[in-house]
Amino acid sequence: MKDVERIADDLYLVKHPFADGFVGVTVVLGKHKIGLVDTGFEGTPVNYIFPFLRELGRRPEEINFVVNTHRDGDHVGGNRAIKKKTKAKIAIHEFDAEIVETVDFKLKDEDVVELGEREFKVIHTPGHTPGSICLYDQKNYTLVTGDSVCGERSELIRMDKKIYISSLKKLLNLKIKVLIMAHPFRPLGKSILVGEKPREMIYASLTCARAGIV
């Protein structure tokens, strides 16, 4: 599919185009189960995720667990479609949980979740929303950030900027080989960053956030 980017043999970003960009859903393929990070808009599962899985010879019913990075509609909008088609459980950070009716589990900082065959550590990174999180695969040094690293989009910092900056500094303590964002945020304009680019993006986000702070 043209709206899919391969990251690894078991890791893909499925993109739902909108406006001048897209929202990405991270798909983690296990041998007998499939995990998702976010579900996109209401129509994302039916129009993008399910067709992609079928193209791989997999069944949507294999989706068993979903983690929402935060409560926004372009990240949780597809939850109901996932619930209707599968028996998947859905999790989100406890601070965003009351807004999302489809949630089965509330997450906290440093919880560990299993998606596919990978384990991810929950990193609470408030700033965009109170319950924004990142997921860190410590074995493969892969970080999925949702909207927690938003580059030049300073309007997405909805809380005190100092809270957002503190979250970014927390991420700089991690060894990151692959960073996956939900949108192609500028200044780099890509969702999947490797090598030195993840740290470059986090620093660019810090610089933007600090502008105007005394």
N, C-alpha and C. Protein backbone atom coordinates (compact mmCIF):
# COMPACT_ATOMS: atom_id res chain seq x y z
N MET A 1 0.84 -1.21 0.00
CA MET A 1 0.00 0.00 0.00
C MET A 1 0.87 1.26 0.00
N LYS A 2 0.44 2.27 -0.70
CA LYS A 2 1.25 3.48 -0.83
C LYS A 2 1.29 4.29 0.46
N ASP A 3 0.28 4.13 1.32
CA ASP A 3 0.23 4.92 2.55
C ASP A 3 0.79 4.16 3.74
N VAL A 4 1.76 3.30 3.48
CA VAL A 4 2.41 2.52 4.53
C VAL A 4 3.92 2.65 4.40
N GLU A 5 4.59 2.85 5.54
CA GLU A 5 6.06 2.92 5.53
C GLU A 5 6.60 1.83 6.45
N ARG A 6 7.49 1.01 5.89
CA ARG A 6 8.11 -0.07 6.68
C ARG A 6 9.25 0.49 7.51
N ILE A 7 9.27 0.12 8.79
CA ILE A 7 10.33 0.53 9.70
C ILE A 7 11.24 -0.66 9.99
N ALA A 8 10.65 -1.82 10.20
CA ALA A 8 11.36 -3.08 10.43
C ALA A 8 10.44 -4.19 9.95
N ASP A 9 10.92 -5.44 10.00
CA ASP A 9 10.10 -6.56 9.53
C ASP A 9 8.77 -6.65 10.27
N ASP A 10 8.77 -6.23 11.53
CA ASP A 10 7.56 -6.34 12.34
C ASP A 10 6.96 -4.99 12.70
N LEU A 11 7.44 -3.93 12.08
CA LEU A 11 7.04 -2.58 12.48
C LEU A 11 6.74 -1.71 11.27
N TYR A 12 5.54 -1.15 11.22
CA TYR A 12 5.10 -0.34 10.08
C TYR A 12 4.35 0.89 10.57
N LEU A 13 4.39 1.94 9.77
CA LEU A 13 3.58 3.13 10.02
C LEU A 13 2.52 3.22 8.92
N VAL A 14 1.26 3.11 9.31
CA VAL A 14 0.14 3.23 8.38
C VAL A 14 -0.36 4.67 8.44
N LYS A 15 -0.42 5.33 7.29
CA LYS A 15 -0.71 6.76 7.24
C LYS A 15 -2.10 7.04 6.68
N HIS A 16 -2.86 7.84 7.42
CA HIS A 16 -4.16 8.32 6.96
C HIS A 16 -3.98 9.77 6.54
N PRO A 17 -3.94 10.06 5.23
CA PRO A 17 -3.70 11.42 4.77
C PRO A 17 -4.83 12.37 5.17
N PHE A 18 -4.45 13.59 5.52
CA PHE A 18 -5.42 14.66 5.72
C PHE A 18 -4.69 15.99 5.68
N ALA A 19 -5.44 17.04 5.30
CA ALA A 19 -4.86 18.38 5.16
C ALA A 19 -3.58 18.29 4.33
N ASP A 20 -2.46 18.82 4.84
CA ASP A 20 -1.22 18.77 4.09
C ASP A 20 -0.26 17.74 4.67
N GLY A 21 -0.81 16.77 5.40
CA GLY A 21 0.04 15.76 6.00
C GLY A 21 -0.70 14.46 6.21
N PHE A 22 -0.52 13.86 7.37
CA PHE A 22 -1.19 12.60 7.69
C PHE A 22 -1.11 12.36 9.20
N VAL A 23 -1.92 11.43 9.67
CA VAL A 23 -1.74 10.90 11.01
C VAL A 23 -1.32 9.44 10.85
N GLY A 24 -0.32 9.04 11.61
CA GLY A 24 0.22 7.70 11.48
C GLY A 24 -0.16 6.79 12.63
N VAL A 25 -0.47 5.54 12.30
CA VAL A 25 -0.74 4.50 13.28
C VAL A 25 0.42 3.50 13.20
N THR A 26 1.08 3.26 14.31
CA THR A 26 2.18 2.30 14.34
C THR A 26 1.62 0.89 14.54
N VAL A 27 1.96 -0.01 13.63
CA VAL A 27 1.50 -1.40 13.66
C VAL A 27 2.67 -2.29 14.03
N VAL A 28 2.50 -3.09 15.09
CA VAL A 28 3.54 -4.00 15.55
C VAL A 28 3.06 -5.43 15.33
N LEU A 29 3.74 -6.14 14.45
CA LEU A 29 3.32 -7.49 14.08
C LEU A 29 4.01 -8.54 14.94
N GLY A 30 3.21 -9.36 15.60
CA GLY A 30 3.73 -10.53 16.29
C GLY A 30 3.41 -11.76 15.47
N LYS A 31 3.86 -12.91 15.95
CA LYS A 31 3.64 -14.14 15.20
C LYS A 31 2.15 -14.47 15.12
N HIS A 32 1.45 -14.30 16.24
CA HIS A 32 0.02 -14.63 16.28
C HIS A 32 -0.84 -13.48 16.79
N LYS A 33 -0.24 -12.32 17.00
CA LYS A 33 -1.00 -11.18 17.52
C LYS A 33 -0.42 -9.89 16.96
N ILE A 34 -1.23 -8.86 16.98
CA ILE A 34 -0.84 -7.57 16.40
C ILE A 34 -1.18 -6.46 17.38
N GLY A 35 -0.25 -5.55 17.59
CA GLY A 35 -0.48 -4.40 18.45
C GLY A 35 -0.51 -3.11 17.65
N LEU A 36 -1.25 -2.14 18.16
CA LEU A 36 -1.33 -0.83 17.52
C LEU A 36 -0.97 0.27 18.51
N VAL A 37 -0.30 1.29 18.01
CA VAL A 37 -0.15 2.53 18.76
C VAL A 37 -1.03 3.55 18.08
N ASP A 38 -2.12 3.91 18.75
CA ASP A 38 -3.17 4.80 18.23
C ASP A 38 -4.02 4.11 17.16
N THR A 39 -5.15 4.73 16.85
CA THR A 39 -6.08 4.15 15.86
C THR A 39 -6.51 5.15 14.80
N GLY A 40 -5.97 6.38 14.85
CA GLY A 40 -6.30 7.36 13.84
C GLY A 40 -7.71 7.91 13.96
N PHE A 41 -8.26 8.31 12.82
CA PHE A 41 -9.61 8.83 12.77
C PHE A 41 -10.63 7.68 12.80
N GLU A 42 -11.89 8.03 12.81
CA GLU A 42 -12.96 7.02 12.84
C GLU A 42 -12.83 6.02 11.69
N GLY A 43 -12.48 6.50 10.51
CA GLY A 43 -12.41 5.62 9.35
C GLY A 43 -11.05 5.00 9.10
N THR A 44 -10.06 5.31 9.91
CA THR A 44 -8.70 4.81 9.67
C THR A 44 -8.60 3.28 9.71
N PRO A 45 -9.18 2.60 10.70
CA PRO A 45 -9.07 1.14 10.70
C PRO A 45 -9.65 0.48 9.45
N VAL A 46 -10.87 0.84 9.08
CA VAL A 46 -11.53 0.20 7.94
C VAL A 46 -10.86 0.55 6.62
N ASN A 47 -10.45 1.78 6.47
CA ASN A 47 -9.92 2.24 5.18
C ASN A 47 -8.42 2.06 5.00
N TYR A 48 -7.68 1.93 6.10
CA TYR A 48 -6.22 1.87 5.99
C TYR A 48 -5.60 0.68 6.73
N ILE A 49 -5.94 0.50 8.00
CA ILE A 49 -5.28 -0.54 8.80
C ILE A 49 -5.69 -1.93 8.36
N PHE A 50 -6.99 -2.18 8.28
CA PHE A 50 -7.47 -3.53 7.92
C PHE A 50 -7.02 -3.94 6.52
N PRO A 51 -7.13 -3.06 5.50
CA PRO A 51 -6.64 -3.44 4.17
C PRO A 51 -5.15 -3.75 4.15
N PHE A 52 -4.36 -2.99 4.90
CA PHE A 52 -2.93 -3.26 4.97
C PHE A 52 -2.65 -4.64 5.55
N LEU A 53 -3.33 -4.97 6.63
CA LEU A 53 -3.11 -6.28 7.25
C LEU A 53 -3.51 -7.42 6.31
N ARG A 54 -4.63 -7.24 5.63
CA ARG A 54 -5.06 -8.28 4.68
C ARG A 54 -4.06 -8.44 3.54
N GLU A 55 -3.47 -7.33 3.12
CA GLU A 55 -2.47 -7.39 2.06
C GLU A 55 -1.25 -8.20 2.50
N LEU A 56 -0.96 -8.20 3.80
CA LEU A 56 0.14 -8.98 4.35
C LEU A 56 -0.26 -10.43 4.60
N GLY A 57 -1.53 -10.74 4.38
CA GLY A 57 -2.01 -12.09 4.67
C GLY A 57 -2.38 -12.28 6.12
N ARG A 58 -2.57 -11.18 6.84
CA ARG A 58 -2.97 -11.22 8.25
C ARG A 58 -4.43 -10.83 8.38
N ARG A 59 -5.02 -11.16 9.53
CA ARG A 59 -6.42 -10.85 9.77
C ARG A 59 -6.54 -9.72 10.79
N PRO A 60 -7.44 -8.77 10.57
CA PRO A 60 -7.66 -7.71 11.55
C PRO A 60 -7.99 -8.25 12.94
N GLU A 61 -8.63 -9.42 12.97
CA GLU A 61 -9.01 -10.02 14.25
C GLU A 61 -7.80 -10.39 15.11
N GLU A 62 -6.61 -10.39 14.52
CA GLU A 62 -5.39 -10.68 15.27
C GLU A 62 -4.96 -9.50 16.16
N ILE A 63 -5.53 -8.33 15.93
CA ILE A 63 -5.20 -7.17 16.77
C ILE A 63 -5.70 -7.46 18.19
N ASN A 64 -4.79 -7.48 19.15
CA ASN A 64 -5.18 -7.83 20.51
C ASN A 64 -4.97 -6.72 21.52
N PHE A 65 -4.15 -5.71 21.16
CA PHE A 65 -3.88 -4.65 22.14
C PHE A 65 -3.59 -3.34 21.42
N VAL A 66 -4.15 -2.26 21.96
CA VAL A 66 -3.98 -0.91 21.41
C VAL A 66 -3.55 0.02 22.53
N VAL A 67 -2.56 0.84 22.26
CA VAL A 67 -2.19 1.90 23.19
C VAL A 67 -2.44 3.24 22.51
N ASN A 68 -3.25 4.08 23.13
CA ASN A 68 -3.46 5.45 22.64
C ASN A 68 -2.41 6.35 23.30
N THR A 69 -1.68 7.12 22.48
CA THR A 69 -0.66 8.00 23.04
C THR A 69 -1.26 9.21 23.75
N HIS A 70 -2.48 9.58 23.39
CA HIS A 70 -3.20 10.65 24.08
C HIS A 70 -4.63 10.67 23.56
N ARG A 71 -5.41 11.62 24.03
CA ARG A 71 -6.86 11.58 23.88
C ARG A 71 -7.42 12.23 22.61
N ASP A 72 -6.61 12.85 21.77
CA ASP A 72 -7.14 13.59 20.62
C ASP A 72 -7.84 12.67 19.62
N GLY A 73 -8.83 13.24 18.93
CA GLY A 73 -9.67 12.46 18.03
C GLY A 73 -8.96 11.80 16.87
N ASP A 74 -7.85 12.39 16.42
CA ASP A 74 -7.11 11.77 15.32
C ASP A 74 -6.19 10.64 15.80
N HIS A 75 -6.24 10.37 17.08
CA HIS A 75 -5.44 9.27 17.66
C HIS A 75 -6.31 8.19 18.30
N VAL A 76 -7.52 8.57 18.70
CA VAL A 76 -8.43 7.60 19.34
C VAL A 76 -9.71 7.39 18.55
N GLY A 77 -9.88 8.12 17.44
CA GLY A 77 -11.12 8.07 16.68
C GLY A 77 -11.48 6.71 16.14
N GLY A 78 -10.46 5.87 15.87
CA GLY A 78 -10.70 4.54 15.34
C GLY A 78 -10.91 3.47 16.39
N ASN A 79 -10.90 3.85 17.66
CA ASN A 79 -11.05 2.86 18.73
C ASN A 79 -12.32 2.03 18.60
N ARG A 80 -13.43 2.68 18.29
CA ARG A 80 -14.70 1.95 18.21
C ARG A 80 -14.69 0.94 17.07
N ALA A 81 -14.09 1.31 15.94
CA ALA A 81 -14.01 0.37 14.81
C ALA A 81 -13.15 -0.83 15.17
N ILE A 82 -12.09 -0.61 15.94
CA ILE A 82 -11.24 -1.71 16.40
C ILE A 82 -12.03 -2.61 17.35
N LYS A 83 -12.79 -2.01 18.25
CA LYS A 83 -13.60 -2.77 19.21
C LYS A 83 -14.66 -3.60 18.48
N LYS A 84 -15.24 -3.02 17.45
CA LYS A 84 -16.31 -3.70 16.71
C LYS A 84 -15.79 -4.92 15.95
N LYS A 85 -14.56 -4.83 15.44
CA LYS A 85 -14.01 -5.89 14.58
C LYS A 85 -13.19 -6.91 15.36
N THR A 86 -12.63 -6.51 16.51
CA THR A 86 -11.70 -7.38 17.23
C THR A 86 -12.08 -7.47 18.71
N LYS A 87 -11.29 -8.26 19.43
CA LYS A 87 -11.44 -8.36 20.88
C LYS A 87 -10.32 -7.61 21.59
N ALA A 88 -9.71 -6.69 20.89
CA ALA A 88 -8.56 -5.96 21.42
C ALA A 88 -8.91 -5.13 22.65
N LYS A 89 -7.97 -5.06 23.57
CA LYS A 89 -8.07 -4.18 24.73
C LYS A 89 -7.35 -2.87 24.40
N ILE A 90 -7.87 -1.79 24.94
CA ILE A 90 -7.32 -0.46 24.65
C ILE A 90 -6.85 0.20 25.94
N ALA A 91 -5.66 0.79 25.89
CA ALA A 91 -5.08 1.43 27.06
C ALA A 91 -4.68 2.87 26.75
N ILE A 92 -4.70 3.70 27.78
CA ILE A 92 -4.29 5.10 27.66
C ILE A 92 -3.83 5.55 29.04
N HIS A 93 -3.04 6.61 29.10
CA HIS A 93 -2.60 7.11 30.40
C HIS A 93 -3.79 7.55 31.25
N GLU A 94 -3.68 7.35 32.53
CA GLU A 94 -4.80 7.63 33.45
C GLU A 94 -5.28 9.08 33.38
N PHE A 95 -4.39 10.03 33.05
CA PHE A 95 -4.79 11.43 33.04
C PHE A 95 -5.64 11.81 31.82
N ASP A 96 -5.64 10.97 30.79
CA ASP A 96 -6.48 11.20 29.61
C ASP A 96 -7.65 10.22 29.52
N ALA A 97 -7.69 9.28 30.45
CA ALA A 97 -8.63 8.16 30.34
C ALA A 97 -10.10 8.57 30.41
N GLU A 98 -10.43 9.57 31.21
CA GLU A 98 -11.83 9.95 31.39
C GLU A 98 -12.44 10.51 30.12
N ILE A 99 -11.62 10.99 29.21
CA ILE A 99 -12.11 11.60 27.97
C ILE A 99 -12.42 10.52 26.92
N VAL A 100 -11.82 9.34 27.06
CA VAL A 100 -11.93 8.30 26.03
C VAL A 100 -12.76 7.13 26.57
N GLU A 101 -13.98 6.99 26.07
CA GLU A 101 -14.92 6.01 26.61
C GLU A 101 -14.54 4.56 26.31
N THR A 102 -13.72 4.34 25.29
CA THR A 102 -13.43 2.97 24.83
C THR A 102 -12.26 2.32 25.57
N VAL A 103 -11.74 2.97 26.59
CA VAL A 103 -10.54 2.49 27.27
C VAL A 103 -10.83 1.35 28.24
N ASP A 104 -9.96 0.33 28.21
CA ASP A 104 -10.06 -0.81 29.12
C ASP A 104 -9.05 -0.73 30.26
N PHE A 105 -7.87 -0.14 29.97
CA PHE A 105 -6.81 -0.08 30.97
C PHE A 105 -6.24 1.33 31.08
N LYS A 106 -5.91 1.73 32.30
CA LYS A 106 -5.27 3.01 32.55
C LYS A 106 -3.78 2.78 32.81
N LEU A 107 -2.96 3.53 32.10
CA LEU A 107 -1.51 3.38 32.20
C LEU A 107 -0.90 4.45 33.10
N LYS A 108 0.27 4.10 33.65
CA LYS A 108 1.06 5.04 34.44
C LYS A 108 2.49 5.06 33.91
N ASP A 109 3.22 6.09 34.31
CA ASP A 109 4.62 6.19 33.93
C ASP A 109 5.39 4.94 34.36
N GLU A 110 6.20 4.42 33.43
CA GLU A 110 7.06 3.26 33.64
C GLU A 110 6.33 1.92 33.60
N ASP A 111 5.04 1.92 33.31
CA ASP A 111 4.38 0.64 33.02
C ASP A 111 5.03 0.02 31.79
N VAL A 112 4.89 -1.29 31.65
CA VAL A 112 5.41 -1.98 30.48
C VAL A 112 4.24 -2.66 29.76
N VAL A 113 4.15 -2.45 28.45
CA VAL A 113 3.08 -3.05 27.65
C VAL A 113 3.71 -3.89 26.54
N GLU A 114 2.99 -4.91 26.12
CA GLU A 114 3.46 -5.78 25.04
C GLU A 114 2.62 -5.56 23.80
N LEU A 115 3.29 -5.21 22.71
CA LEU A 115 2.64 -5.03 21.41
C LEU A 115 3.36 -5.95 20.43
N GLY A 116 2.61 -6.85 19.80
CA GLY A 116 3.26 -7.86 18.98
C GLY A 116 4.18 -8.68 19.85
N GLU A 117 5.45 -8.79 19.45
CA GLU A 117 6.44 -9.50 20.25
C GLU A 117 7.39 -8.53 20.96
N ARG A 118 7.07 -7.24 20.91
CA ARG A 118 7.93 -6.23 21.52
C ARG A 118 7.37 -5.74 22.85
N GLU A 119 8.27 -5.39 23.76
CA GLU A 119 7.88 -4.76 25.01
C GLU A 119 8.23 -3.28 24.96
N PHE A 120 7.29 -2.46 25.39
CA PHE A 120 7.49 -1.02 25.41
C PHE A 120 7.28 -0.48 26.82
N LYS A 121 8.18 0.40 27.23
CA LYS A 121 8.04 1.10 28.50
C LYS A 121 7.25 2.38 28.28
N VAL A 122 6.28 2.63 29.15
CA VAL A 122 5.47 3.85 29.07
C VAL A 122 6.25 5.00 29.69
N ILE A 123 6.39 6.07 28.93
CA ILE A 123 7.06 7.28 29.42
C ILE A 123 6.05 8.41 29.40
N HIS A 124 5.67 8.89 30.56
CA HIS A 124 4.69 9.97 30.66
C HIS A 124 5.35 11.29 30.24
N THR A 125 4.81 11.90 29.18
CA THR A 125 5.39 13.12 28.63
C THR A 125 4.31 14.19 28.45
N PRO A 126 3.77 14.72 29.54
CA PRO A 126 2.72 15.75 29.43
C PRO A 126 3.25 17.01 28.76
N GLY A 127 2.33 17.76 28.21
CA GLY A 127 2.68 19.00 27.52
C GLY A 127 1.67 19.27 26.43
N HIS A 128 1.48 18.29 25.56
CA HIS A 128 0.43 18.37 24.54
C HIS A 128 -0.92 18.15 25.21
N THR A 129 -1.03 17.09 25.98
CA THR A 129 -2.18 16.84 26.86
C THR A 129 -1.62 16.34 28.19
N PRO A 130 -2.44 16.37 29.26
CA PRO A 130 -1.95 15.90 30.56
C PRO A 130 -1.52 14.44 30.55
N GLY A 131 -2.16 13.63 29.70
CA GLY A 131 -1.87 12.21 29.68
C GLY A 131 -1.05 11.74 28.49
N SER A 132 -0.39 12.66 27.82
CA SER A 132 0.44 12.26 26.67
C SER A 132 1.55 11.31 27.12
N ILE A 133 1.79 10.28 26.31
CA ILE A 133 2.86 9.33 26.62
C ILE A 133 3.67 9.03 25.37
N CYS A 134 4.87 8.52 25.60
CA CYS A 134 5.68 7.90 24.56
C CYS A 134 5.86 6.43 24.93
N LEU A 135 6.16 5.61 23.97
CA LEU A 135 6.44 4.20 24.20
C LEU A 135 7.86 3.91 23.76
N TYR A 136 8.65 3.31 24.67
CA TYR A 136 10.07 3.08 24.40
C TYR A 136 10.40 1.60 24.41
N ASP A 137 10.84 1.11 23.27
CA ASP A 137 11.33 -0.26 23.12
C ASP A 137 12.80 -0.26 23.47
N GLN A 138 13.11 -0.67 24.71
CA GLN A 138 14.48 -0.59 25.21
C GLN A 138 15.43 -1.56 24.51
N LYS A 139 14.91 -2.64 23.96
CA LYS A 139 15.74 -3.62 23.28
C LYS A 139 16.21 -3.11 21.92
N ASN A 140 15.31 -2.43 21.21
CA ASN A 140 15.62 -1.95 19.86
C ASN A 140 15.84 -0.45 19.79
N TYR A 141 15.83 0.21 20.95
CA TYR A 141 16.05 1.66 21.03
C TYR A 141 15.11 2.43 20.11
N THR A 142 13.85 2.03 20.16
CA THR A 142 12.83 2.65 19.31
C THR A 142 11.84 3.41 20.19
N LEU A 143 11.57 4.66 19.82
CA LEU A 143 10.67 5.51 20.59
C LEU A 143 9.50 5.96 19.73
N VAL A 144 8.29 5.67 20.19
CA VAL A 144 7.06 6.11 19.51
C VAL A 144 6.50 7.26 20.32
N THR A 145 6.36 8.44 19.70
CA THR A 145 6.09 9.65 20.48
C THR A 145 4.69 10.24 20.32
N GLY A 146 3.87 9.74 19.40
CA GLY A 146 2.57 10.37 19.21
C GLY A 146 2.76 11.82 18.83
N ASP A 147 2.22 12.75 19.65
CA ASP A 147 2.41 14.19 19.43
C ASP A 147 3.28 14.81 20.52
N SER A 148 4.02 14.00 21.27
CA SER A 148 4.81 14.52 22.39
C SER A 148 6.04 15.28 21.95
N VAL A 149 6.50 15.06 20.72
CA VAL A 149 7.61 15.82 20.14
C VAL A 149 7.04 16.50 18.91
N CYS A 150 6.73 17.78 19.01
CA CYS A 150 5.96 18.42 17.94
C CYS A 150 6.72 19.49 17.17
N GLY A 151 8.04 19.52 17.32
CA GLY A 151 8.85 20.40 16.50
C GLY A 151 8.44 21.86 16.55
N GLU A 152 8.15 22.42 15.39
CA GLU A 152 7.81 23.84 15.29
C GLU A 152 6.34 24.15 15.58
N ARG A 153 5.55 23.11 15.82
CA ARG A 153 4.11 23.32 16.07
C ARG A 153 3.87 23.70 17.52
N SER A 154 4.32 24.88 17.91
CA SER A 154 4.23 25.31 19.32
C SER A 154 2.79 25.45 19.79
N GLU A 155 1.85 25.61 18.84
CA GLU A 155 0.44 25.71 19.26
C GLU A 155 -0.08 24.40 19.83
N LEU A 156 0.65 23.32 19.60
CA LEU A 156 0.24 22.02 20.15
C LEU A 156 0.66 21.85 21.61
N ILE A 157 1.43 22.80 22.12
CA ILE A 157 1.79 22.77 23.55
C ILE A 157 0.65 23.43 24.31
N ARG A 158 -0.23 22.63 24.87
CA ARG A 158 -1.46 23.14 25.48
C ARG A 158 -1.34 23.36 26.98
N MET A 159 -0.24 22.90 27.55
CA MET A 159 -0.01 23.08 28.97
C MET A 159 1.12 24.10 29.16
N ASP A 160 1.51 24.33 30.40
CA ASP A 160 2.65 25.20 30.67
C ASP A 160 3.86 24.70 29.87
N LYS A 161 4.50 25.59 29.16
CA LYS A 161 5.63 25.18 28.33
C LYS A 161 6.74 24.52 29.13
N LYS A 162 6.87 24.89 30.39
CA LYS A 162 7.92 24.31 31.22
C LYS A 162 7.65 22.82 31.46
N ILE A 163 6.38 22.42 31.48
CA ILE A 163 6.03 21.00 31.63
C ILE A 163 6.44 20.24 30.37
N TYR A 164 6.15 20.83 29.23
CA TYR A 164 6.52 20.22 27.94
C TYR A 164 8.04 20.10 27.82
N ILE A 165 8.75 21.14 28.19
CA ILE A 165 10.21 21.13 28.13
C ILE A 165 10.78 20.05 29.02
N SER A 166 10.23 19.91 30.21
CA SER A 166 10.68 18.85 31.13
C SER A 166 10.48 17.46 30.51
N SER A 167 9.38 17.28 29.79
CA SER A 167 9.12 16.00 29.12
C SER A 167 10.16 15.73 28.04
N LEU A 168 10.49 16.75 27.27
CA LEU A 168 11.50 16.58 26.22
C LEU A 168 12.86 16.24 26.80
N LYS A 169 13.21 16.89 27.91
CA LYS A 169 14.50 16.60 28.55
C LYS A 169 14.56 15.15 29.02
N LYS A 170 13.42 14.64 29.46
CA LYS A 170 13.36 13.23 29.88
C LYS A 170 13.71 12.31 28.71
N LEU A 171 13.23 12.67 27.52
CA LEU A 171 13.49 11.85 26.33
C LEU A 171 14.95 11.89 25.92
N LEU A 172 15.63 12.99 26.20
CA LEU A 172 17.04 13.11 25.83
C LEU A 172 17.93 12.17 26.64
N ASN A 173 17.39 11.61 27.72
CA ASN A 173 18.15 10.66 28.53
C ASN A 173 18.12 9.25 27.94
N LEU A 174 17.32 9.06 26.90
CA LEU A 174 17.17 7.74 26.30
C LEU A 174 18.13 7.57 25.12
N LYS A 175 18.55 6.33 24.91
CA LYS A 175 19.28 6.01 23.70
C LYS A 175 18.25 5.71 22.62
N ILE A 176 18.21 6.50 21.57
CA ILE A 176 17.18 6.37 20.54
C ILE A 176 17.84 6.17 19.18
N LYS A 177 17.55 5.05 18.57
CA LYS A 177 18.02 4.80 17.20
C LYS A 177 16.93 5.08 16.17
N VAL A 178 15.68 4.89 16.59
CA VAL A 178 14.53 5.14 15.69
C VAL A 178 13.48 5.92 16.47
N LEU A 179 13.01 7.01 15.91
CA LEU A 179 11.94 7.80 16.51
C LEU A 179 10.77 7.82 15.53
N ILE A 180 9.57 7.51 16.04
CA ILE A 180 8.37 7.47 15.20
C ILE A 180 7.37 8.47 15.74
N MET A 181 7.08 9.51 14.96
CA MET A 181 6.08 10.51 15.32
C MET A 181 4.79 10.24 14.54
N ALA A 182 3.69 10.74 15.05
CA ALA A 182 2.40 10.50 14.39
C ALA A 182 2.18 11.40 13.19
N HIS A 183 2.93 12.49 13.11
CA HIS A 183 2.80 13.44 12.01
C HIS A 183 4.19 13.84 11.51
N PRO A 184 4.30 14.30 10.27
CA PRO A 184 5.60 14.73 9.74
C PRO A 184 5.94 16.15 10.19
N PHE A 185 6.18 16.30 11.47
CA PHE A 185 6.41 17.63 12.03
C PHE A 185 7.69 18.26 11.48
N ARG A 186 7.63 19.56 11.27
CA ARG A 186 8.82 20.32 10.90
C ARG A 186 9.61 20.64 12.16
N PRO A 187 10.94 20.86 12.04
CA PRO A 187 11.64 21.24 10.81
C PRO A 187 12.08 20.06 9.92
N LEU A 188 12.03 18.83 10.41
CA LEU A 188 12.54 17.73 9.59
C LEU A 188 11.51 17.21 8.60
N GLY A 189 10.23 17.35 8.90
CA GLY A 189 9.18 17.01 7.94
C GLY A 189 9.01 15.54 7.64
N LYS A 190 9.50 14.68 8.54
CA LYS A 190 9.32 13.24 8.40
C LYS A 190 8.81 12.66 9.71
N SER A 191 8.09 11.54 9.62
CA SER A 191 7.59 10.89 10.83
C SER A 191 8.58 9.89 11.40
N ILE A 192 9.40 9.31 10.55
CA ILE A 192 10.33 8.28 10.99
C ILE A 192 11.75 8.82 10.87
N LEU A 193 12.43 8.92 12.01
CA LEU A 193 13.76 9.49 12.06
C LEU A 193 14.75 8.46 12.61
N VAL A 194 15.94 8.42 12.04
CA VAL A 194 16.95 7.45 12.47
C VAL A 194 18.30 8.16 12.64
N GLY A 195 19.24 7.43 13.24
CA GLY A 195 20.58 7.98 13.42
C GLY A 195 20.59 9.13 14.41
N GLU A 196 21.15 10.26 13.99
CA GLU A 196 21.21 11.45 14.84
C GLU A 196 19.94 12.30 14.76
N LYS A 197 19.08 11.97 13.81
CA LYS A 197 17.88 12.79 13.58
C LYS A 197 16.91 12.83 14.77
N PRO A 198 16.72 11.72 15.52
CA PRO A 198 15.83 11.80 16.68
C PRO A 198 16.24 12.88 17.68
N ARG A 199 17.52 12.93 18.04
CA ARG A 199 17.98 13.95 18.98
C ARG A 199 17.87 15.34 18.37
N GLU A 200 18.14 15.44 17.07
CA GLU A 200 18.01 16.72 16.38
C GLU A 200 16.58 17.23 16.47
N MET A 201 15.62 16.33 16.31
CA MET A 201 14.21 16.71 16.37
C MET A 201 13.80 17.13 17.78
N ILE A 202 14.29 16.42 18.77
CA ILE A 202 13.95 16.76 20.15
C ILE A 202 14.54 18.12 20.52
N TYR A 203 15.80 18.36 20.11
CA TYR A 203 16.42 19.66 20.37
C TYR A 203 15.69 20.78 19.64
N ALA A 204 15.25 20.53 18.41
CA ALA A 204 14.50 21.54 17.66
C ALA A 204 13.18 21.86 18.37
N SER A 205 12.56 20.84 18.94
CA SER A 205 11.31 21.04 19.68
C SER A 205 11.57 21.86 20.95
N LEU A 206 12.69 21.58 21.61
CA LEU A 206 13.07 22.35 22.79
C LEU A 206 13.29 23.82 22.45
N THR A 207 14.01 24.07 21.37
CA THR A 207 14.30 25.43 20.95
C THR A 207 13.03 26.21 20.67
N CYS A 208 12.10 25.57 19.98
CA CYS A 208 10.82 26.21 19.68
C CYS A 208 10.04 26.50 20.95
N ALA A 209 10.01 25.54 21.87
CA ALA A 209 9.25 25.71 23.11
C ALA A 209 9.82 26.80 23.99
N ARG A 210 11.12 26.93 23.97
CA ARG A 210 11.78 27.92 24.84
C ARG A 210 11.62 29.34 24.34
N ALA A 211 11.28 29.51 23.08
CA ALA A 211 11.12 30.85 22.51
C ALA A 211 10.04 31.62 23.28
N GLY A 212 10.41 32.77 23.78
CA GLY A 212 9.45 33.60 24.49
C GLY A 212 9.36 33.32 25.97
N ILE A 213 10.08 32.29 26.45
CA ILE A 213 10.08 32.00 27.89
C ILE A 213 11.20 32.74 28.56
N VAL A 214 10.88 33.46 29.63
CA VAL A 214 11.90 34.24 30.34
C VAL A 214 12.52 33.34 31.43
